[in-house]
PDB file of N, CA and C in Angstrom:
ATOM      1  N   MET A   1     -23.776  13.424  23.351  1.00  0.00           N
ATOM      2  CA  MET A   1     -23.316  12.058  23.473  1.00  0.00           C
ATOM      3  C   MET A   1     -23.521  11.304  22.162  1.00  0.00           C
ATOM      4  N   LEU A   2     -24.718  11.389  21.619  1.00  0.00           N
ATOM      5  CA  LEU A   2     -25.025  10.717  20.368  1.00  0.00           C
ATOM      6  C   LEU A   2     -24.182  11.297  19.240  1.00  0.00           C
ATOM      7  N   ARG A   3     -23.970  12.608  19.282  1.00  0.00           N
ATOM      8  CA  ARG A   3     -23.158  13.264  18.263  1.00  0.00           C
ATOM      9  C   ARG A   3     -21.720  12.752  18.310  1.00  0.00           C
ATOM     10  N   ASN A   4     -21.152  12.590  19.502  1.00  0.00           N
ATOM     11  CA  ASN A   4     -19.785  12.071  19.633  1.00  0.00           C
ATOM     12  C   ASN A   4     -19.675  10.648  19.103  1.00  0.00           C
ATOM     13  N   ALA A   5     -20.689   9.837  19.361  1.00  0.00           N
ATOM     14  CA  ALA A   5     -20.691   8.462  18.864  1.00  0.00           C
ATOM     15  C   ALA A   5     -20.743   8.449  17.335  1.00  0.00           C
ATOM     16  N   ALA A   6     -21.563   9.323  16.759  1.00  0.00           N
ATOM     17  CA  ALA A   6     -21.677   9.401  15.301  1.00  0.00           C
ATOM     18  C   ALA A   6     -20.360   9.847  14.683  1.00  0.00           C
ATOM     19  N   ILE A   7     -19.703  10.794  15.314  1.00  0.00           N
ATOM     20  CA  ILE A   7     -18.408  11.261  14.809  1.00  0.00           C
ATOM     21  C   ILE A   7     -17.371  10.144  14.900  1.00  0.00           C
ATOM     22  N   ALA A   8     -17.390   9.404  15.973  1.00  0.00           N
ATOM     23  CA  ALA A   8     -16.440   8.297  16.143  1.00  0.00           C
ATOM     24  C   ALA A   8     -16.647   7.238  15.063  1.00  0.00           C
ATOM     25  N   VAL A   9     -17.906   6.911  14.771  1.00  0.00           N
ATOM     26  CA  VAL A   9     -18.201   5.924  13.726  1.00  0.00           C
ATOM     27  C   VAL A   9     -17.753   6.446  12.369  1.00  0.00           C
ATOM     28  N   LEU A  10     -18.004   7.717  12.099  1.00  0.00           N
ATOM     29  CA  LEU A  10     -17.607   8.322  10.831  1.00  0.00           C
ATOM     30  C   LEU A  10     -16.092   8.288  10.653  1.00  0.00           C
ATOM     31  N   LEU A  11     -15.353   8.629  11.701  1.00  0.00           N
ATOM     32  CA  LEU A  11     -13.889   8.610  11.632  1.00  0.00           C
ATOM     33  C   LEU A  11     -13.357   7.197  11.452  1.00  0.00           C
ATOM     34  N   ALA A  12     -13.955   6.237  12.132  1.00  0.00           N
ATOM     35  CA  ALA A  12     -13.516   4.845  11.989  1.00  0.00           C
ATOM     36  C   ALA A  12     -13.757   4.337  10.577  1.00  0.00           C
ATOM     37  N   THR A  13     -14.887   4.702  10.007  1.00  0.00           N
ATOM     38  CA  THR A  13     -15.210   4.288   8.644  1.00  0.00           C
ATOM     39  C   THR A  13     -14.261   4.936   7.640  1.00  0.00           C
ATOM     40  N   ALA A  14     -13.990   6.202   7.817  1.00  0.00           N
ATOM     41  CA  ALA A  14     -13.080   6.916   6.907  1.00  0.00           C
ATOM     42  C   ALA A  14     -11.674   6.347   7.002  1.00  0.00           C
ATOM     43  N   GLY A  15     -11.233   6.009   8.185  1.00  0.00           N
ATOM     44  CA  GLY A  15      -9.896   5.437   8.356  1.00  0.00           C
ATOM     45  C   GLY A  15      -9.774   4.080   7.705  1.00  0.00           C
ATOM     46  N   SER A  16     -10.803   3.251   7.835  1.00  0.00           N
ATOM     47  CA  SER A  16     -10.747   1.924   7.223  1.00  0.00           C
ATOM     48  C   SER A  16     -10.857   2.018   5.709  1.00  0.00           C
ATOM     49  N   ALA A  17     -11.571   3.025   5.191  1.00  0.00           N
ATOM     50  CA  ALA A  17     -11.664   3.203   3.745  1.00  0.00           C
ATOM     51  C   ALA A  17     -10.308   3.585   3.171  1.00  0.00           C
ATOM     52  N   ALA A  18      -9.579   4.444   3.860  1.00  0.00           N
ATOM     53  CA  ALA A  18      -8.238   4.822   3.393  1.00  0.00           C
ATOM     54  C   ALA A  18      -7.312   3.627   3.432  1.00  0.00           C
ATOM     55  N   PHE A  19      -7.452   2.810   4.473  1.00  0.00           N
ATOM     56  CA  PHE A  19      -6.605   1.620   4.570  1.00  0.00           C
ATOM     57  C   PHE A  19      -6.952   0.630   3.463  1.00  0.00           C
ATOM     58  N   ALA A  20      -8.234   0.491   3.149  1.00  0.00           N
ATOM     59  CA  ALA A  20      -8.647  -0.442   2.110  1.00  0.00           C
ATOM     60  C   ALA A  20      -8.091  -0.027   0.752  1.00  0.00           C
ATOM     61  N   GLN A  21      -8.008   1.273   0.490  1.00  0.00           N
ATOM     62  CA  GLN A  21      -7.470   1.735  -0.777  1.00  0.00           C
ATOM     63  C   GLN A  21      -5.976   1.462  -0.875  1.00  0.00           C
ATOM     64  N   ALA A  22      -5.294   1.448   0.260  1.00  0.00           N
ATOM     65  CA  ALA A  22      -3.857   1.233   0.252  1.00  0.00           C
ATOM     66  C   ALA A  22      -3.507  -0.244   0.256  1.00  0.00           C
ATOM     67  N   ALA A  23      -4.478  -1.124   0.443  1.00  0.00           N
ATOM     68  CA  ALA A  23      -4.210  -2.557   0.454  1.00  0.00           C
ATOM     69  C   ALA A  23      -3.846  -3.013  -0.959  1.00  0.00           C
ATOM     70  N   THR A  24      -2.850  -3.860  -1.038  1.00  0.00           N
ATOM     71  CA  THR A  24      -2.402  -4.367  -2.333  1.00  0.00           C
ATOM     72  C   THR A  24      -2.242  -5.886  -2.261  1.00  0.00           C
ATOM     73  N   PRO A  25      -3.342  -6.622  -2.137  1.00  0.00           N
ATOM     74  CA  PRO A  25      -3.226  -8.069  -1.959  1.00  0.00           C
ATOM     75  C   PRO A  25      -2.584  -8.783  -3.151  1.00  0.00           C
ATOM     76  N   GLY A  26      -2.869  -8.341  -4.370  1.00  0.00           N
ATOM     77  CA  GLY A  26      -2.275  -8.973  -5.545  1.00  0.00           C
ATOM     78  C   GLY A  26      -0.773  -8.770  -5.592  1.00  0.00           C
ATOM     79  N   VAL A  27      -0.344  -7.567  -5.275  1.00  0.00           N
ATOM     80  CA  VAL A  27       1.080  -7.244  -5.260  1.00  0.00           C
ATOM     81  C   VAL A  27       1.775  -8.041  -4.162  1.00  0.00           C
ATOM     82  N   ASP A  28       1.136  -8.106  -2.986  1.00  0.00           N
ATOM     83  CA  ASP A  28       1.731  -8.831  -1.862  1.00  0.00           C
ATOM     84  C   ASP A  28       1.863 -10.321  -2.164  1.00  0.00           C
ATOM     85  N   GLN A  29       0.838 -10.915  -2.769  1.00  0.00           N
ATOM     86  CA  GLN A  29       0.888 -12.340  -3.087  1.00  0.00           C
ATOM     87  C   GLN A  29       1.971 -12.633  -4.118  1.00  0.00           C
ATOM     88  N   ARG A  30       2.101 -11.761  -5.105  1.00  0.00           N
ATOM     89  CA  ARG A  30       3.133 -11.968  -6.123  1.00  0.00           C
ATOM     90  C   ARG A  30       4.529 -11.857  -5.509  1.00  0.00           C
ATOM     91  N   GLN A  31       4.708 -10.893  -4.595  1.00  0.00           N
ATOM     92  CA  GLN A  31       5.994 -10.763  -3.899  1.00  0.00           C
ATOM     93  C   GLN A  31       6.323 -12.056  -3.161  1.00  0.00           C
ATOM     94  N   LEU A  32       5.342 -12.584  -2.441  1.00  0.00           N
ATOM     95  CA  LEU A  32       5.537 -13.818  -1.689  1.00  0.00           C
ATOM     96  C   LEU A  32       5.899 -14.974  -2.616  1.00  0.00           C
ATOM     97  N   ASN A  33       5.187 -15.094  -3.736  1.00  0.00           N
ATOM     98  CA  ASN A  33       5.476 -16.167  -4.692  1.00  0.00           C
ATOM     99  C   ASN A  33       6.899 -16.055  -5.244  1.00  0.00           C
ATOM    100  N   GLN A  34       7.317 -14.842  -5.565  1.00  0.00           N
ATOM    101  CA  GLN A  34       8.651 -14.653  -6.126  1.00  0.00           C
ATOM    102  C   GLN A  34       9.731 -14.932  -5.085  1.00  0.00           C
ATOM    103  N   GLU A  35       9.490 -14.563  -3.836  1.00  0.00           N
ATOM    104  CA  GLU A  35      10.457 -14.882  -2.784  1.00  0.00           C
ATOM    105  C   GLU A  35      10.569 -16.389  -2.602  1.00  0.00           C
ATOM    106  N   ARG A  36       9.453 -17.099  -2.718  1.00  0.00           N
ATOM    107  CA  ARG A  36       9.471 -18.565  -2.624  1.00  0.00           C
ATOM    108  C   ARG A  36      10.247 -19.173  -3.791  1.00  0.00           C
ATOM    109  N   ARG A  37      10.100 -18.599  -4.980  1.00  0.00           N
ATOM    110  CA  ARG A  37      10.845 -19.101  -6.143  1.00  0.00           C
ATOM    111  C   ARG A  37      12.351 -18.959  -5.928  1.00  0.00           C
ATOM    112  N   ILE A  38      12.757 -17.837  -5.333  1.00  0.00           N
ATOM    113  CA  ILE A  38      14.177 -17.621  -5.060  1.00  0.00           C
ATOM    114  C   ILE A  38      14.672 -18.647  -4.038  1.00  0.00           C
ATOM    115  N   GLU A  39      13.911 -18.833  -2.965  1.00  0.00           N
ATOM    116  CA  GLU A  39      14.300 -19.809  -1.933  1.00  0.00           C
ATOM    117  C   GLU A  39      14.385 -21.211  -2.516  1.00  0.00           C
ATOM    118  N   GLN A  40      13.431 -21.577  -3.365  1.00  0.00           N
ATOM    119  CA  GLN A  40      13.435 -22.898  -3.987  1.00  0.00           C
ATOM    120  C   GLN A  40      14.655 -23.056  -4.882  1.00  0.00           C
ATOM    121  N   GLY A  41      15.012 -22.008  -5.602  1.00  0.00           N
ATOM    122  CA  GLY A  41      16.194 -22.057  -6.457  1.00  0.00           C
ATOM    123  C   GLY A  41      17.471 -22.241  -5.655  1.00  0.00           C
ATOM    124  N   GLU A  42      17.539 -21.620  -4.487  1.00  0.00           N
ATOM    125  CA  GLU A  42      18.697 -21.796  -3.603  1.00  0.00           C
ATOM    126  C   GLU A  42      18.770 -23.234  -3.094  1.00  0.00           C
ATOM    127  N   ARG A  43      17.612 -23.771  -2.668  1.00  0.00           N
ATOM    128  CA  ARG A  43      17.588 -25.134  -2.118  1.00  0.00           C
ATOM    129  C   ARG A  43      18.021 -26.169  -3.143  1.00  0.00           C
ATOM    130  N   THR A  44      17.586 -26.004  -4.388  1.00  0.00           N
ATOM    131  CA  THR A  44      17.881 -27.006  -5.406  1.00  0.00           C
ATOM    132  C   THR A  44      19.236 -26.793  -6.073  1.00  0.00           C
ATOM    133  N   GLY A  45      19.847 -25.651  -5.849  1.00  0.00           N
ATOM    134  CA  GLY A  45      21.122 -25.362  -6.472  1.00  0.00           C
ATOM    135  C   GLY A  45      20.991 -24.681  -7.822  1.00  0.00           C
ATOM    136  N   ALA A  46      19.762 -24.389  -8.257  1.00  0.00           N
ATOM    137  CA  ALA A  46      19.557 -23.705  -9.532  1.00  0.00           C
ATOM    138  C   ALA A  46      20.066 -22.269  -9.480  1.00  0.00           C
ATOM    139  N   LEU A  47      20.153 -21.702  -8.263  1.00  0.00           N
ATOM    140  CA  LEU A  47      20.689 -20.357  -8.081  1.00  0.00           C
ATOM    141  C   LEU A  47      21.945 -20.421  -7.238  1.00  0.00           C
ATOM    142  N   THR A  48      22.953 -19.683  -7.643  1.00  0.00           N
ATOM    143  CA  THR A  48      24.131 -19.556  -6.799  1.00  0.00           C
ATOM    144  C   THR A  48      23.790 -18.585  -5.676  1.00  0.00           C
ATOM    145  N   THR A  49      24.616 -18.549  -4.664  1.00  0.00           N
ATOM    146  CA  THR A  49      24.390 -17.636  -3.549  1.00  0.00           C
ATOM    147  C   THR A  49      24.393 -16.195  -4.035  1.00  0.00           C
ATOM    148  N   ARG A  50      25.309 -15.880  -4.913  1.00  0.00           N
ATOM    149  CA  ARG A  50      25.403 -14.514  -5.444  1.00  0.00           C
ATOM    150  C   ARG A  50      24.150 -14.136  -6.231  1.00  0.00           C
ATOM    151  N   GLU A  51      23.673 -15.060  -7.075  1.00  0.00           N
ATOM    152  CA  GLU A  51      22.453 -14.790  -7.838  1.00  0.00           C
ATOM    153  C   GLU A  51      21.266 -14.568  -6.904  1.00  0.00           C
ATOM    154  N   ALA A  52      21.141 -15.422  -5.897  1.00  0.00           N
ATOM    155  CA  ALA A  52      20.032 -15.302  -4.950  1.00  0.00           C
ATOM    156  C   ALA A  52      20.089 -13.971  -4.215  1.00  0.00           C
ATOM    157  N   ASN A  53      21.281 -13.554  -3.807  1.00  0.00           N
ATOM    158  CA  ASN A  53      21.421 -12.271  -3.112  1.00  0.00           C
ATOM    159  C   ASN A  53      20.997 -11.107  -4.000  1.00  0.00           C
ATOM    160  N   ARG A  54      21.380 -11.151  -5.263  1.00  0.00           N
ATOM    161  CA  ARG A  54      20.993 -10.080  -6.189  1.00  0.00           C
ATOM    162  C   ARG A  54      19.483 -10.057  -6.415  1.00  0.00           C
ATOM    163  N   LEU A  55      18.897 -11.245  -6.562  1.00  0.00           N
ATOM    164  CA  LEU A  55      17.451 -11.316  -6.767  1.00  0.00           C
ATOM    165  C   LEU A  55      16.697 -10.828  -5.531  1.00  0.00           C
ATOM    166  N   GLU A  56      17.192 -11.162  -4.357  1.00  0.00           N
ATOM    167  CA  GLU A  56      16.563 -10.687  -3.120  1.00  0.00           C
ATOM    168  C   GLU A  56      16.675  -9.173  -2.991  1.00  0.00           C
ATOM    169  N   ALA A  57      17.778  -8.609  -3.460  1.00  0.00           N
ATOM    170  CA  ALA A  57      17.919  -7.148  -3.452  1.00  0.00           C
ATOM    171  C   ALA A  57      16.896  -6.517  -4.394  1.00  0.00           C
ATOM    172  N   GLY A  58      16.652  -7.152  -5.524  1.00  0.00           N
ATOM    173  CA  GLY A  58      15.630  -6.666  -6.451  1.00  0.00           C
ATOM    174  C   GLY A  58      14.242  -6.729  -5.836  1.00  0.00           C
ATOM    175  N   GLN A  59      13.957  -7.793  -5.103  1.00  0.00           N
ATOM    176  CA  GLN A  59      12.672  -7.907  -4.412  1.00  0.00           C
ATOM    177  C   GLN A  59      12.535  -6.809  -3.363  1.00  0.00           C
ATOM    178  N   ALA A  60      13.622  -6.495  -2.690  1.00  0.00           N
ATOM    179  CA  ALA A  60      13.596  -5.436  -1.671  1.00  0.00           C
ATOM    180  C   ALA A  60      13.294  -4.078  -2.325  1.00  0.00           C
ATOM    181  N   ARG A  61      13.830  -3.848  -3.536  1.00  0.00           N
ATOM    182  CA  ARG A  61      13.528  -2.601  -4.251  1.00  0.00           C
ATOM    183  C   ARG A  61      12.038  -2.494  -4.544  1.00  0.00           C
ATOM    184  N   VAL A  62      11.429  -3.587  -4.971  1.00  0.00           N
ATOM    185  CA  VAL A  62       9.994  -3.578  -5.265  1.00  0.00           C
ATOM    186  C   VAL A  62       9.208  -3.331  -3.972  1.00  0.00           C
ATOM    187  N   GLU A  63       9.641  -3.921  -2.874  1.00  0.00           N
ATOM    188  CA  GLU A  63       8.965  -3.689  -1.582  1.00  0.00           C
ATOM    189  C   GLU A  63       9.053  -2.221  -1.171  1.00  0.00           C
ATOM    190  N   ARG A  64      10.204  -1.595  -1.404  1.00  0.00           N
ATOM    191  CA  ARG A  64      10.334  -0.164  -1.083  1.00  0.00           C
ATOM    192  C   ARG A  64       9.423   0.680  -1.970  1.00  0.00           C
ATOM    193  N   MET A  65       9.299   0.296  -3.247  1.00  0.00           N
ATOM    194  CA  MET A  65       8.376   0.996  -4.143  1.00  0.00           C
ATOM    195  C   MET A  65       6.948   0.898  -3.605  1.00  0.00           C
ATOM    196  N   GLU A  66       6.588  -0.282  -3.138  1.00  0.00           N
ATOM    197  CA  GLU A  66       5.245  -0.499  -2.609  1.00  0.00           C
ATOM    198  C   GLU A  66       5.014   0.356  -1.359  1.00  0.00           C
ATOM    199  N   GLU A  67       6.007   0.406  -0.478  1.00  0.00           N
ATOM    200  CA  GLU A  67       5.874   1.226   0.735  1.00  0.00           C
ATOM    201  C   GLU A  67       5.715   2.704   0.393  1.00  0.00           C
ATOM    202  N   ARG A  68       6.468   3.180  -0.596  1.00  0.00           N
ATOM    203  CA  ARG A  68       6.325   4.584  -1.017  1.00  0.00           C
ATOM    204  C   ARG A  68       4.934   4.834  -1.599  1.00  0.00           C
ATOM    205  N   ALA A  69       4.433   3.870  -2.367  1.00  0.00           N
ATOM    206  CA  ALA A  69       3.101   4.028  -2.960  1.00  0.00           C
ATOM    207  C   ALA A  69       2.028   4.061  -1.879  1.00  0.00           C
ATOM    208  N   LYS A  70       2.202   3.278  -0.829  1.00  0.00           N
ATOM    209  CA  LYS A  70       1.219   3.225   0.251  1.00  0.00           C
ATOM    210  C   LYS A  70       1.357   4.374   1.245  1.00  0.00           C
ATOM    211  N   SER A  71       2.441   5.108   1.206  1.00  0.00           N
ATOM    212  CA  SER A  71       2.745   6.096   2.235  1.00  0.00           C
ATOM    213  C   SER A  71       1.684   7.188   2.384  1.00  0.00           C
ATOM    214  N   ASP A  72       1.001   7.518   1.310  1.00  0.00           N
ATOM    215  CA  ASP A  72      -0.026   8.563   1.416  1.00  0.00           C
ATOM    216  C   ASP A  72      -1.418   7.989   1.685  1.00  0.00           C
ATOM    217  N   GLY A  73      -1.502   6.676   1.849  1.00  0.00           N
ATOM    218  CA  GLY A  73      -2.778   6.046   2.175  1.00  0.00           C
ATOM    219  C   GLY A  73      -3.559   5.551   0.984  1.00  0.00           C
ATOM    220  N   THR A  74      -3.117   5.879  -0.228  1.00  0.00           N
ATOM    221  CA  THR A  74      -3.812   5.457  -1.434  1.00  0.00           C
ATOM    222  C   THR A  74      -2.798   4.987  -2.470  1.00  0.00           C
ATOM    223  N   VAL A  75      -3.070   3.847  -3.061  1.00  0.00           N
ATOM    224  CA  VAL A  75      -2.243   3.373  -4.165  1.00  0.00           C
ATOM    225  C   VAL A  75      -3.024   3.657  -5.438  1.00  0.00           C
ATOM    226  N   THR A  76      -2.504   4.571  -6.240  1.00  0.00           N
ATOM    227  CA  THR A  76      -3.212   4.969  -7.464  1.00  0.00           C
ATOM    228  C   THR A  76      -3.064   3.890  -8.532  1.00  0.00           C
ATOM    229  N   ARG A  77      -3.852   4.033  -9.577  1.00  0.00           N
ATOM    230  CA  ARG A  77      -3.797   3.081 -10.685  1.00  0.00           C
ATOM    231  C   ARG A  77      -2.396   3.082 -11.313  1.00  0.00           C
ATOM    232  N   GLY A  78      -1.804   4.259 -11.446  1.00  0.00           N
ATOM    233  CA  GLY A  78      -0.464   4.366 -12.030  1.00  0.00           C
ATOM    234  C   GLY A  78       0.592   3.712 -11.153  1.00  0.00           C
ATOM    235  N   GLU A  79       0.479   3.936  -9.832  1.00  0.00           N
ATOM    236  CA  GLU A  79       1.430   3.311  -8.905  1.00  0.00           C
ATOM    237  C   GLU A  79       1.304   1.791  -8.960  1.00  0.00           C
ATOM    238  N   ARG A  80       0.063   1.323  -9.012  1.00  0.00           N
ATOM    239  CA  ARG A  80      -0.163  -0.120  -9.084  1.00  0.00           C
ATOM    240  C   ARG A  80       0.423  -0.693 -10.377  1.00  0.00           C
ATOM    241  N   ALA A  81       0.267   0.031 -11.486  1.00  0.00           N
ATOM    242  CA  ALA A  81       0.815  -0.417 -12.768  1.00  0.00           C
ATOM    243  C   ALA A  81       2.341  -0.473 -12.708  1.00  0.00           C
ATOM    244  N   ARG A  82       2.958   0.531 -12.074  1.00  0.00           N
ATOM    245  CA  ARG A  82       4.423   0.525 -11.945  1.00  0.00           C
ATOM    246  C   ARG A  82       4.891  -0.636 -11.068  1.00  0.00           C
ATOM    247  N   LEU A  83       4.139  -0.924 -10.018  1.00  0.00           N
ATOM    248  CA  LEU A  83       4.486  -2.062  -9.160  1.00  0.00           C
ATOM    249  C   LEU A  83       4.410  -3.371  -9.939  1.00  0.00           C
ATOM    250  N   HIS A  84       3.340  -3.552 -10.705  1.00  0.00           N
ATOM    251  CA  HIS A  84       3.198  -4.779 -11.496  1.00  0.00           C
ATOM    252  C   HIS A  84       4.297  -4.886 -12.556  1.00  0.00           C
ATOM    253  N   GLN A  85       4.664  -3.751 -13.150  1.00  0.00           N
ATOM    254  CA  GLN A  85       5.725  -3.767 -14.149  1.00  0.00           C
ATOM    255  C   GLN A  85       7.051  -4.152 -13.507  1.00  0.00           C
ATOM    256  N   ALA A  86       7.348  -3.598 -12.338  1.00  0.00           N
ATOM    257  CA  ALA A  86       8.593  -3.917 -11.632  1.00  0.00           C
ATOM    258  C   ALA A  86       8.613  -5.384 -11.221  1.00  0.00           C
ATOM    259  N   GLN A  87       7.460  -5.905 -10.814  1.00  0.00           N
ATOM    260  CA  GLN A  87       7.393  -7.312 -10.451  1.00  0.00           C
ATOM    261  C   GLN A  87       7.578  -8.207 -11.673  1.00  0.00           C
ATOM    262  N   GLY A  88       7.092  -7.766 -12.820  1.00  0.00           N
ATOM    263  CA  GLY A  88       7.300  -8.527 -14.051  1.00  0.00           C
ATOM    264  C   GLY A  88       8.771  -8.600 -14.419  1.00  0.00           C
ATOM    265  N   VAL A  89       9.476  -7.486 -14.245  1.00  0.00           N
ATOM    266  CA  VAL A  89      10.920  -7.460 -14.511  1.00  0.00           C
ATOM    267  C   VAL A  89      11.632  -8.423 -13.572  1.00  0.00           C
ATOM    268  N   GLN A  90      11.272  -8.382 -12.286  1.00  0.00           N
ATOM    269  CA  GLN A  90      11.897  -9.270 -11.310  1.00  0.00           C
ATOM    270  C   GLN A  90      11.586 -10.730 -11.611  1.00  0.00           C
ATOM    271  N   SER A  91      10.364 -11.017 -12.021  1.00  0.00           N
ATOM    272  CA  SER A  91       9.983 -12.388 -12.352  1.00  0.00           C
ATOM    273  C   SER A  91      10.832 -12.918 -13.506  1.00  0.00           C
ATOM    274  N   ALA A  92      11.039 -12.087 -14.513  1.00  0.00           N
ATOM    275  CA  ALA A  92      11.870 -12.500 -15.651  1.00  0.00           C
ATOM    276  C   ALA A  92      13.313 -12.729 -15.218  1.00  0.00           C
ATOM    277  N   ARG A  93      13.823 -11.884 -14.322  1.00  0.00           N
ATOM    278  CA  ARG A  93      15.186 -12.068 -13.823  1.00  0.00           C
ATOM    279  C   ARG A  93      15.320 -13.380 -13.058  1.00  0.00           C
ATOM    280  N   ILE A  94      14.311 -13.687 -12.241  1.00  0.00           N
ATOM    281  CA  ILE A  94      14.351 -14.939 -11.482  1.00  0.00           C
ATOM    282  C   ILE A  94      14.382 -16.121 -12.445  1.00  0.00           C
ATOM    283  N   ALA A  95      13.504 -16.108 -13.430  1.00  0.00           N
ATOM    284  CA  ALA A  95      13.452 -17.208 -14.400  1.00  0.00           C
ATOM    285  C   ALA A  95      14.771 -17.348 -15.147  1.00  0.00           C
ATOM    286  N   ARG A  96      15.318 -16.212 -15.575  1.00  0.00           N
ATOM    287  CA  ARG A  96      16.569 -16.246 -16.340  1.00  0.00           C
ATOM    288  C   ARG A  96      17.712 -16.821 -15.498  1.00  0.00           C
ATOM    289  N   GLN A  97      17.806 -16.393 -14.245  1.00  0.00           N
ATOM    290  CA  GLN A  97      18.894 -16.861 -13.387  1.00  0.00           C
ATOM    291  C   GLN A  97      18.712 -18.324 -12.989  1.00  0.00           C
ATOM    292  N   LYS A  98      17.477 -18.757 -12.794  1.00  0.00           N
ATOM    293  CA  LYS A  98      17.244 -20.143 -12.403  1.00  0.00           C
ATOM    294  C   LYS A  98      17.550 -21.115 -13.542  1.00  0.00           C
ATOM    295  N   HIS A  99      17.447 -20.642 -14.770  1.00  0.00           N
ATOM    296  CA  HIS A  99      17.621 -21.540 -15.909  1.00  0.00           C
ATOM    297  C   HIS A  99      18.914 -21.297 -16.682  1.00  0.00           C
ATOM    298  N   ASP A 100      19.841 -20.543 -16.097  1.00  0.00           N
ATOM    299  CA  ASP A 100      21.129 -20.388 -16.758  1.00  0.00           C
ATOM    300  C   ASP A 100      22.007 -21.593 -16.396  1.00  0.00           C
ATOM    301  N   ARG A 101      23.214 -21.595 -16.865  1.00  0.00           N
ATOM    302  CA  ARG A 101      24.081 -22.760 -16.653  1.00  0.00           C
ATOM    303  C   ARG A 101      24.887 -22.691 -15.366  1.00  0.00           C
ATOM    304  N   GLN A 102      24.632 -21.701 -14.551  1.00  0.00           N
ATOM    305  CA  GLN A 102      25.343 -21.592 -13.274  1.00  0.00           C
ATOM    306  C   GLN A 102      24.553 -22.339 -12.213  1.00  0.00           C
ATOM    307  N   HIS A 103      25.245 -23.210 -11.504  1.00  0.00           N
ATOM    308  CA  HIS A 103      24.610 -23.969 -10.436  1.00  0.00           C
ATOM    309  C   HIS A 103      25.476 -23.906  -9.201  1.00  0.00           C
ATOM    310  N   ASN A 104      24.881 -24.156  -8.072  1.00  0.00           N
ATOM    311  CA  ASN A 104      25.584 -24.105  -6.801  1.00  0.00           C
ATOM    312  C   ASN A 104      26.013 -25.518  -6.410  1.00  0.00           C
ATOM    313  N   PHE A 105      27.060 -26.046  -7.060  1.00  0.00           N
ATOM    314  CA  PHE A 105      27.562 -27.382  -6.769  1.00  0.00           C
ATOM    315  C   PHE A 105      28.861 -27.290  -5.986  1.00  0.00           C
ATOM    316  N   ASN A 106      29.084 -28.245  -5.125  1.00  0.00           N
ATOM    317  CA  ASN A 106      30.356 -28.289  -4.412  1.00  0.00           C
ATOM    318  C   ASN A 106      31.352 -29.127  -5.208  1.00  0.00           C
ATOM    319  N   HIS A 107      32.511 -29.377  -4.674  1.00  0.00           N
ATOM    320  CA  HIS A 107      33.571 -30.073  -5.405  1.00  0.00           C
ATOM    321  C   HIS A 107      33.239 -31.547  -5.670  1.00  0.00           C
ATOM    322  N   ASN A 108      32.258 -32.134  -5.005  1.00  0.00           N
ATOM    323  CA  ASN A 108      31.864 -33.524  -5.225  1.00  0.00           C
ATOM    324  C   ASN A 108      30.763 -33.656  -6.267  1.00  0.00           C
ATOM    325  N   GLY A 109      30.343 -32.543  -6.854  1.00  0.00           N
ATOM    326  CA  GLY A 109      29.278 -32.576  -7.838  1.00  0.00           C
ATOM    327  C   GLY A 109      27.888 -32.576  -7.230  1.00  0.00           C
ATOM    328  N   ARG A 110      27.806 -32.396  -5.925  1.00  0.00           N
ATOM    329  CA  ARG A 110      26.519 -32.354  -5.255  1.00  0.00           C
ATOM    330  C   ARG A 110      26.094 -30.903  -5.034  1.00  0.00           C
ATOM    331  N   VAL A 111      24.810 -30.721  -4.893  1.00  0.00           N
ATOM    332  CA  VAL A 111      24.280 -29.380  -4.662  1.00  0.00           C
ATOM    333  C   VAL A 111      24.668 -28.931  -3.260  1.00  0.00           C
ATOM    334  N   ASP A 112      25.238 -27.729  -3.176  1.00  0.00           N
ATOM    335  CA  ASP A 112      25.526 -27.151  -1.865  1.00  0.00           C
ATOM    336  C   ASP A 112      24.223 -26.671  -1.260  1.00  0.00           C
ATOM    337  N   ARG A 113      23.895 -27.165  -0.125  1.00  0.00           N
ATOM    338  CA  ARG A 113      22.674 -26.741   0.567  1.00  0.00           C
ATOM    339  C   ARG A 113      23.023 -25.592   1.510  1.00  0.00           C
ATOM    340  N   PRO A 114      22.272 -24.502   1.436  1.00  0.00           N
ATOM    341  CA  PRO A 114      22.550 -23.410   2.380  1.00  0.00           C
ATOM    342  C   PRO A 114      22.236 -23.851   3.801  1.00  0.00           C
ATOM    343  N   ARG A 115      23.008 -23.381   4.728  1.00  0.00           N
ATOM    344  CA  ARG A 115      22.789 -23.725   6.134  1.00  0.00           C
ATOM    345  C   ARG A 115      21.582 -22.985   6.672  1.00  0.00           C
ATOM    346  N   ARG A 116      20.852 -23.660   7.540  1.00  0.00           N
ATOM    347  CA  ARG A 116      19.697 -23.027   8.194  1.00  0.00           C
ATOM    348  C   ARG A 116      20.180 -21.961   9.148  1.00  0.00           C
ATOM    349  N   ARG A 117      19.478 -20.854   9.175  1.00  0.00           N
ATOM    350  CA  ARG A 117      19.846 -19.754  10.071  1.00  0.00           C
ATOM    351  C   ARG A 117      18.951 -19.709  11.265  1.00  0.00           C
TER     352      ARG A 117
END
């Protein structure tokens, strides 16, 4: 009985350790911040619908990279570096698109607001 309890505790600890290694809070927070930047750009008209869609597709690529890195239960230093590099590329794309001369204006010169879904 005591042996079974000890084995159960050992397995629970090992499982949580593997999960802790696969956690990527910095990557997740940066993803969230970049998604908010895209949404803000859409709301203000700094991004056209097409630009926002492309940027969101880029964010989805980074999310898939993260899922592949986590798939074995451990995110290695190299995988983490590649994720940060990909996020840096996406961040630069967001900045470039938000500050270009393309805006989402309607025929009255007002910002087109996307409809709530």
